[in-house]
């Protein structure tokens, strides 16, 4: 199944590199569980800080039969955690864990 994916950007320009990264990471979600009915990823830049740099918010909403999973991650003030790629990685890792847990509980024989 091809994962139905929506990608939204708020308060920043749509970046083809970030879109490609999100698509690659969402394909991995589809390998964990083929029962995902929808995945919506939002990349937001709610605050633009001159001194602290840009801090990103990533939200991943996943619809599964009988369950909705919502993941939210924000950039941190330390230098290594400000990059949008790092925040996306953290958010998708949390999504992988939750989707994998859902599939294991739901579809594993008792």
N, C-alpha and C. Protein backbone atom coordinates (compact mmCIF):
# COMPACT_ATOMS: atom_id res chain seq x y z
N UNK A 1 0.84 -1.19 0.00
CA UNK A 1 0.00 0.00 0.00
C UNK A 1 0.88 1.24 0.00
N UNK A 2 0.51 2.23 -0.76
CA UNK A 2 1.21 3.51 -0.75
C UNK A 2 0.54 4.38 0.31
N UNK A 3 1.34 4.86 1.23
CA UNK A 3 0.85 5.65 2.34
C UNK A 3 0.24 6.96 1.84
N UNK A 4 -1.03 7.27 2.20
CA UNK A 4 -1.61 8.57 1.85
C UNK A 4 -0.96 9.65 2.71
N UNK A 5 -0.17 10.50 2.09
CA UNK A 5 0.66 11.46 2.82
C UNK A 5 0.30 12.88 2.44
N UNK A 6 0.13 13.72 3.47
CA UNK A 6 -0.07 15.16 3.27
C UNK A 6 1.07 15.86 4.00
N UNK A 7 1.64 16.86 3.35
CA UNK A 7 2.72 17.63 3.97
C UNK A 7 2.34 19.10 3.92
N UNK A 8 2.39 19.75 5.10
CA UNK A 8 2.06 21.17 5.19
C UNK A 8 3.23 21.93 5.79
N UNK A 9 3.42 23.15 5.31
CA UNK A 9 4.42 24.04 5.87
C UNK A 9 3.70 25.28 6.38
N UNK A 10 4.03 25.70 7.59
CA UNK A 10 3.44 26.91 8.17
C UNK A 10 4.54 27.92 8.49
N UNK A 11 4.35 29.12 8.02
CA UNK A 11 5.25 30.23 8.30
C UNK A 11 6.66 30.03 7.74
N UNK A 12 6.80 29.19 6.72
CA UNK A 12 8.06 29.05 6.01
C UNK A 12 7.79 28.50 4.62
N UNK A 13 8.73 28.70 3.74
CA UNK A 13 8.60 28.25 2.36
C UNK A 13 8.68 26.73 2.27
N UNK A 14 7.97 26.16 1.34
CA UNK A 14 8.02 24.72 1.08
C UNK A 14 9.40 24.39 0.51
N UNK A 15 10.10 23.49 1.17
CA UNK A 15 11.46 23.13 0.79
C UNK A 15 11.44 21.74 0.17
N UNK A 16 11.80 21.61 -1.12
CA UNK A 16 11.77 20.30 -1.78
C UNK A 16 12.67 19.26 -1.10
N UNK A 17 13.76 19.69 -0.51
CA UNK A 17 14.66 18.78 0.19
C UNK A 17 13.98 18.19 1.44
N UNK A 18 13.26 19.03 2.17
CA UNK A 18 12.54 18.58 3.36
C UNK A 18 11.37 17.68 2.96
N UNK A 19 10.69 18.02 1.87
CA UNK A 19 9.59 17.18 1.38
C UNK A 19 10.11 15.79 1.02
N UNK A 20 11.25 15.72 0.34
CA UNK A 20 11.84 14.43 -0.02
C UNK A 20 12.21 13.62 1.22
N UNK A 21 12.76 14.30 2.23
CA UNK A 21 13.12 13.62 3.48
C UNK A 21 11.88 13.06 4.18
N UNK A 22 10.81 13.83 4.22
CA UNK A 22 9.56 13.38 4.84
C UNK A 22 9.00 12.18 4.08
N UNK A 23 9.05 12.22 2.77
CA UNK A 23 8.55 11.09 1.98
C UNK A 23 9.35 9.82 2.25
N UNK A 24 10.68 9.94 2.34
CA UNK A 24 11.51 8.77 2.64
C UNK A 24 11.18 8.19 4.00
N UNK A 25 11.03 9.07 4.99
CA UNK A 25 10.74 8.60 6.35
C UNK A 25 9.33 8.02 6.45
N UNK A 26 8.39 8.55 5.70
CA UNK A 26 7.03 8.02 5.74
C UNK A 26 6.94 6.66 5.05
N UNK A 27 7.80 6.41 4.06
CA UNK A 27 7.83 5.08 3.43
C UNK A 27 8.21 4.01 4.44
N UNK A 28 9.09 4.36 5.37
CA UNK A 28 9.47 3.43 6.42
C UNK A 28 8.28 3.14 7.33
N UNK A 29 7.44 4.15 7.59
CA UNK A 29 6.22 3.94 8.37
C UNK A 29 5.33 2.91 7.69
N UNK A 30 5.22 3.02 6.38
CA UNK A 30 4.38 2.11 5.61
C UNK A 30 4.89 0.68 5.68
N UNK A 31 6.20 0.52 5.82
CA UNK A 31 6.77 -0.84 5.96
C UNK A 31 6.45 -1.44 7.33
N UNK A 32 6.35 -0.57 8.36
CA UNK A 32 5.99 -1.06 9.70
C UNK A 32 4.58 -1.60 9.74
N UNK A 33 3.67 -0.88 9.08
CA UNK A 33 2.26 -1.24 9.17
C UNK A 33 1.55 -0.79 7.90
N UNK A 34 0.95 -1.71 7.19
CA UNK A 34 0.26 -1.37 5.95
C UNK A 34 -1.19 -0.95 6.18
N UNK A 35 -1.56 -0.77 7.42
CA UNK A 35 -2.94 -0.40 7.75
C UNK A 35 -3.11 1.10 8.00
N UNK A 36 -2.09 1.88 7.77
CA UNK A 36 -2.18 3.34 7.94
C UNK A 36 -3.10 3.89 6.86
N UNK A 37 -4.11 4.63 7.30
CA UNK A 37 -5.07 5.18 6.34
C UNK A 37 -4.73 6.61 5.96
N UNK A 38 -3.97 7.30 6.82
CA UNK A 38 -3.61 8.68 6.51
C UNK A 38 -2.43 9.10 7.37
N UNK A 39 -1.57 9.94 6.80
CA UNK A 39 -0.46 10.52 7.54
C UNK A 39 -0.34 11.98 7.13
N UNK A 40 -0.38 12.87 8.10
CA UNK A 40 -0.26 14.31 7.84
C UNK A 40 0.92 14.85 8.63
N UNK A 41 1.89 15.42 7.93
CA UNK A 41 3.08 15.98 8.58
C UNK A 41 3.04 17.50 8.40
N UNK A 42 3.20 18.21 9.52
CA UNK A 42 3.23 19.67 9.48
C UNK A 42 4.59 20.14 9.98
N UNK A 43 5.23 20.99 9.19
CA UNK A 43 6.50 21.61 9.57
C UNK A 43 6.19 23.08 9.79
N UNK A 44 6.41 23.56 11.00
CA UNK A 44 6.07 24.95 11.33
C UNK A 44 7.28 25.68 11.89
N UNK A 45 7.30 26.95 11.63
CA UNK A 45 8.32 27.84 12.18
C UNK A 45 7.58 28.96 12.92
N UNK A 46 7.09 28.65 14.14
CA UNK A 46 6.21 29.60 14.82
C UNK A 46 6.92 30.86 15.32
N UNK A 47 8.21 30.76 15.60
CA UNK A 47 8.94 31.90 16.14
C UNK A 47 10.25 32.06 15.38
N UNK A 48 10.54 33.26 15.02
CA UNK A 48 11.83 33.54 14.38
C UNK A 48 12.64 34.36 15.38
N UNK A 49 13.68 33.74 15.89
CA UNK A 49 14.50 34.38 16.91
C UNK A 49 15.81 34.86 16.30
N UNK A 50 16.08 36.13 16.47
CA UNK A 50 17.31 36.69 15.94
C UNK A 50 18.53 36.13 16.65
N UNK A 51 18.48 36.05 17.95
CA UNK A 51 19.64 35.59 18.72
C UNK A 51 19.70 34.08 18.87
N UNK A 52 18.55 33.43 19.04
CA UNK A 52 18.54 31.98 19.28
C UNK A 52 18.40 31.16 18.01
N UNK A 53 18.09 31.77 16.89
CA UNK A 53 17.90 31.03 15.65
C UNK A 53 16.47 30.56 15.52
N UNK A 54 16.18 29.90 14.40
CA UNK A 54 14.83 29.41 14.14
C UNK A 54 14.57 28.12 14.90
N UNK A 55 13.43 28.04 15.54
CA UNK A 55 13.03 26.85 16.27
C UNK A 55 11.81 26.25 15.57
N UNK A 56 11.93 25.00 15.13
CA UNK A 56 10.90 24.34 14.34
C UNK A 56 9.98 23.50 15.21
N UNK A 57 8.73 23.38 14.78
CA UNK A 57 7.75 22.46 15.37
C UNK A 57 7.36 21.46 14.29
N UNK A 58 7.41 20.18 14.63
CA UNK A 58 7.01 19.13 13.70
C UNK A 58 5.84 18.39 14.34
N UNK A 59 4.77 18.20 13.59
CA UNK A 59 3.62 17.44 14.04
C UNK A 59 3.33 16.34 13.02
N UNK A 60 3.16 15.12 13.51
CA UNK A 60 2.80 13.99 12.65
C UNK A 60 1.50 13.40 13.18
N UNK A 61 0.47 13.41 12.35
CA UNK A 61 -0.82 12.82 12.70
C UNK A 61 -1.03 11.59 11.82
N UNK A 62 -1.22 10.45 12.46
CA UNK A 62 -1.36 9.18 11.76
C UNK A 62 -2.71 8.57 12.10
N UNK A 63 -3.45 8.17 11.08
CA UNK A 63 -4.73 7.50 11.28
C UNK A 63 -4.58 6.02 10.98
N UNK A 64 -5.03 5.21 11.92
CA UNK A 64 -5.04 3.75 11.81
C UNK A 64 -6.43 3.26 12.16
N UNK A 65 -6.81 2.07 11.76
CA UNK A 65 -8.13 1.56 12.15
C UNK A 65 -8.26 1.50 13.68
N UNK A 66 -9.17 2.28 14.21
CA UNK A 66 -9.41 2.27 15.65
C UNK A 66 -8.46 3.11 16.47
N UNK A 67 -7.56 3.86 15.84
CA UNK A 67 -6.59 4.64 16.62
C UNK A 67 -6.07 5.82 15.81
N UNK A 68 -5.86 6.91 16.53
CA UNK A 68 -5.19 8.09 15.98
C UNK A 68 -3.91 8.30 16.77
N UNK A 69 -2.81 8.51 16.09
CA UNK A 69 -1.53 8.77 16.76
C UNK A 69 -1.10 10.18 16.40
N UNK A 70 -0.75 10.95 17.41
CA UNK A 70 -0.27 12.32 17.19
C UNK A 70 1.10 12.47 17.84
N UNK A 71 2.06 12.90 17.06
CA UNK A 71 3.42 13.10 17.53
C UNK A 71 3.74 14.57 17.35
N UNK A 72 4.38 15.17 18.33
CA UNK A 72 4.78 16.57 18.24
C UNK A 72 6.19 16.71 18.80
N UNK A 73 7.06 17.35 18.06
CA UNK A 73 8.43 17.61 18.51
C UNK A 73 8.80 19.04 18.17
N UNK A 74 9.61 19.63 19.04
CA UNK A 74 10.07 21.01 18.84
C UNK A 74 11.59 21.06 18.86
N UNK A 75 12.14 22.03 18.16
CA UNK A 75 13.58 22.28 18.24
C UNK A 75 13.93 22.69 19.65
N UNK A 76 15.14 22.36 20.04
CA UNK A 76 15.66 22.81 21.33
C UNK A 76 16.64 23.95 21.10
N UNK A 77 16.99 24.64 22.15
CA UNK A 77 17.87 25.79 22.02
C UNK A 77 19.33 25.42 21.78
N UNK A 78 19.73 24.19 22.09
CA UNK A 78 21.12 23.84 21.86
C UNK A 78 21.39 23.72 20.36
N UNK A 79 22.61 23.94 19.98
CA UNK A 79 22.98 24.07 18.57
C UNK A 79 22.63 22.83 17.76
N UNK A 80 22.92 21.62 18.26
CA UNK A 80 22.72 20.42 17.47
C UNK A 80 21.25 20.08 17.26
N UNK A 81 20.35 20.58 18.09
CA UNK A 81 18.93 20.22 17.99
C UNK A 81 18.08 21.30 17.33
N UNK A 82 18.69 22.30 16.70
CA UNK A 82 17.93 23.35 16.04
C UNK A 82 17.56 23.01 14.61
N UNK A 83 18.30 22.12 13.99
CA UNK A 83 18.10 21.79 12.58
C UNK A 83 16.78 21.06 12.38
N UNK A 84 16.05 21.44 11.35
CA UNK A 84 14.75 20.83 11.07
C UNK A 84 14.90 19.33 10.79
N UNK A 85 16.01 18.92 10.19
CA UNK A 85 16.22 17.50 9.91
C UNK A 85 16.32 16.69 11.20
N UNK A 86 16.98 17.25 12.19
CA UNK A 86 17.12 16.57 13.47
C UNK A 86 15.75 16.41 14.14
N UNK A 87 14.94 17.46 14.11
CA UNK A 87 13.62 17.41 14.72
C UNK A 87 12.72 16.42 13.97
N UNK A 88 12.82 16.39 12.64
CA UNK A 88 12.06 15.40 11.85
C UNK A 88 12.48 13.99 12.22
N UNK A 89 13.76 13.76 12.37
CA UNK A 89 14.25 12.43 12.74
C UNK A 89 13.67 11.99 14.08
N UNK A 90 13.70 12.88 15.07
CA UNK A 90 13.14 12.55 16.39
C UNK A 90 11.65 12.26 16.31
N UNK A 91 10.91 13.07 15.55
CA UNK A 91 9.46 12.88 15.44
C UNK A 91 9.13 11.56 14.75
N UNK A 92 9.82 11.25 13.67
CA UNK A 92 9.54 10.00 12.97
C UNK A 92 9.97 8.79 13.78
N UNK A 93 11.04 8.89 14.55
CA UNK A 93 11.42 7.76 15.41
C UNK A 93 10.33 7.47 16.44
N UNK A 94 9.74 8.52 17.00
CA UNK A 94 8.62 8.33 17.94
C UNK A 94 7.42 7.72 17.21
N UNK A 95 7.17 8.17 15.99
CA UNK A 95 6.06 7.62 15.21
C UNK A 95 6.29 6.14 14.89
N UNK A 96 7.52 5.77 14.53
CA UNK A 96 7.84 4.37 14.24
C UNK A 96 7.53 3.50 15.45
N UNK A 97 7.97 3.96 16.62
CA UNK A 97 7.75 3.17 17.84
C UNK A 97 6.26 2.98 18.12
N UNK A 98 5.48 4.06 17.99
CA UNK A 98 4.05 3.96 18.30
C UNK A 98 3.28 3.12 17.28
N UNK A 99 3.62 3.25 16.01
CA UNK A 99 2.95 2.46 14.98
C UNK A 99 3.32 0.99 15.13
N UNK A 100 4.58 0.72 15.40
CA UNK A 100 5.03 -0.65 15.60
C UNK A 100 4.31 -1.29 16.80
N UNK A 101 4.18 -0.53 17.87
CA UNK A 101 3.48 -1.02 19.07
C UNK A 101 2.01 -1.30 18.76
N UNK A 102 1.37 -0.39 18.03
CA UNK A 102 -0.04 -0.58 17.63
C UNK A 102 -0.20 -1.88 16.84
N UNK A 103 0.66 -2.08 15.84
CA UNK A 103 0.55 -3.28 14.99
C UNK A 103 0.84 -4.54 15.78
N UNK A 104 1.79 -4.47 16.69
CA UNK A 104 2.11 -5.65 17.50
C UNK A 104 0.93 -6.02 18.40
N UNK A 105 0.31 -5.04 19.05
CA UNK A 105 -0.82 -5.31 19.94
C UNK A 105 -2.05 -5.74 19.16
N UNK A 106 -2.27 -5.13 18.05
CA UNK A 106 -3.51 -5.36 17.30
C UNK A 106 -3.50 -6.64 16.48
N UNK A 107 -2.35 -6.96 15.90
CA UNK A 107 -2.33 -8.02 14.90
C UNK A 107 -1.46 -9.22 15.28
N UNK A 108 -0.86 -9.19 16.45
CA UNK A 108 -0.07 -10.33 16.89
C UNK A 108 -0.99 -11.37 17.52
N UNK A 109 -0.81 -12.63 17.19
CA UNK A 109 -1.67 -13.65 17.82
C UNK A 109 -1.44 -13.73 19.32
N UNK A 110 -2.51 -13.92 20.07
CA UNK A 110 -2.42 -13.94 21.53
C UNK A 110 -1.87 -15.24 22.06
